[in-house]
């Protein structure tokens, strides 16, 4: 989460600055080696620019950390959904 927020704030979409705000729900799958398996919008922000920027930011943030040995014994892929917020302060945060 922190890595995506950091990358997102460094790469906030220029076309949205001072104009577009909202939140969206992304579904993400990460492989045991930290590589990205899948990212898709599950609930749109209503702004294509923000939806595409969120997916691009998650892709740019890869690779993620390798799974611990214990987690690798339990699963090959971790899947989760997270709400990402493009704020009025032109910042990307998550809930």
Protein backbone atom coordinates (compact mmCIF):
# COMPACT_ATOMS: atom_id res chain seq x y z
CA UNK A 1 0.00 0.00 0.00
CA UNK A 2 2.69 2.48 0.97
CA UNK A 3 4.74 1.76 -2.15
CA UNK A 4 1.72 2.27 -4.42
CA UNK A 5 0.83 5.53 -2.65
CA UNK A 6 4.40 6.79 -3.00
CA UNK A 7 4.58 5.87 -6.71
CA UNK A 8 1.08 7.24 -7.24
CA UNK A 9 1.87 10.59 -5.71
CA UNK A 10 5.01 10.89 -7.82
CA UNK A 11 3.01 9.99 -10.94
CA UNK A 12 -0.34 11.63 -10.22
CA UNK A 13 -2.17 12.07 -13.55
CA UNK A 14 -1.52 15.58 -14.88
CA UNK A 15 -4.90 15.67 -16.63
CA UNK A 16 -6.63 15.17 -13.26
CA UNK A 17 -4.74 17.72 -11.16
CA UNK A 18 -7.11 20.32 -9.80
CA UNK A 19 -9.99 18.89 -11.86
CA UNK A 20 -10.91 15.27 -11.12
CA UNK A 21 -11.35 13.54 -7.78
CA UNK A 22 -12.91 10.29 -6.69
CA UNK A 23 -12.37 6.75 -5.50
CA UNK A 24 -12.36 3.38 -7.16
CA UNK A 25 -12.04 -0.25 -6.16
CA UNK A 26 -9.17 -2.21 -7.71
CA UNK A 27 -8.83 -5.98 -7.65
CA UNK A 28 -5.17 -7.05 -7.56
CA UNK A 29 -3.40 -10.43 -7.70
CA UNK A 30 0.28 -10.73 -6.76
CA UNK A 31 2.42 -13.85 -7.38
CA UNK A 32 4.76 -15.36 -4.78
CA UNK A 33 7.79 -13.78 -6.48
CA UNK A 34 6.22 -10.32 -6.10
CA UNK A 35 5.24 -9.95 -9.74
CA UNK A 36 1.82 -8.68 -10.69
CA UNK A 37 -0.58 -11.34 -11.98
CA UNK A 38 -3.65 -9.16 -12.54
CA UNK A 39 -5.14 -5.73 -11.87
CA UNK A 40 -8.65 -4.61 -12.82
CA UNK A 41 -11.19 -2.01 -11.84
CA UNK A 42 -14.06 -3.53 -9.87
CA UNK A 43 -15.83 -0.24 -9.16
CA UNK A 44 -15.08 2.78 -11.33
CA UNK A 45 -14.43 6.27 -10.05
CA UNK A 46 -16.62 7.51 -12.88
CA UNK A 47 -13.54 9.05 -14.51
CA UNK A 48 -11.66 6.98 -17.07
CA UNK A 49 -8.48 9.02 -16.46
CA UNK A 50 -8.47 8.09 -12.76
CA UNK A 51 -9.33 4.43 -13.36
CA UNK A 52 -6.55 4.02 -15.93
CA UNK A 53 -4.08 5.97 -13.77
CA UNK A 54 -4.77 3.72 -10.77
CA UNK A 55 -4.10 0.56 -12.80
CA UNK A 56 -0.96 2.11 -14.33
CA UNK A 57 0.32 3.10 -10.87
CA UNK A 58 -0.19 -0.44 -9.51
CA UNK A 59 1.69 -1.83 -12.54
CA UNK A 60 4.49 0.73 -12.14
CA UNK A 61 4.85 -0.23 -8.47
CA UNK A 62 5.64 -3.87 -9.31
CA UNK A 63 7.48 -5.93 -8.40
CA UNK A 64 6.29 -6.23 -4.85
CA UNK A 65 8.04 -8.11 -2.07
CA UNK A 66 8.53 -11.86 -2.28
CA UNK A 67 6.21 -13.92 -0.11
CA UNK A 68 7.59 -15.27 3.15
CA UNK A 69 8.38 -19.00 3.21
CA UNK A 70 5.29 -19.58 5.33
CA UNK A 71 3.01 -17.72 2.94
CA UNK A 72 4.54 -19.55 -0.05
CA UNK A 73 3.55 -22.85 1.59
CA UNK A 74 -0.04 -21.60 1.82
CA UNK A 75 -0.60 -19.98 -1.59
CA UNK A 76 0.89 -19.08 -4.97
CA UNK A 77 -1.08 -15.85 -5.42
CA UNK A 78 -2.50 -13.29 -3.00
CA UNK A 79 -5.64 -11.56 -4.22
CA UNK A 80 -7.27 -8.52 -2.66
CA UNK A 81 -9.46 -5.56 -3.43
CA UNK A 82 -8.58 -2.07 -2.20
CA UNK A 83 -10.23 1.31 -2.52
CA UNK A 84 -7.93 3.99 -3.95
CA UNK A 85 -8.78 7.64 -3.49
CA UNK A 86 -7.65 10.51 -5.71
CA UNK A 87 -8.13 13.42 -3.29
CA UNK A 88 -8.89 17.12 -3.77
CA UNK A 89 -5.31 17.77 -2.60
CA UNK A 90 -4.06 15.90 -5.71
CA UNK A 91 -2.86 12.96 -3.61
CA UNK A 92 -3.41 9.20 -3.96
CA UNK A 93 -4.37 7.36 -0.77
CA UNK A 94 -6.01 4.05 0.04
CA UNK A 95 -8.74 2.93 2.39
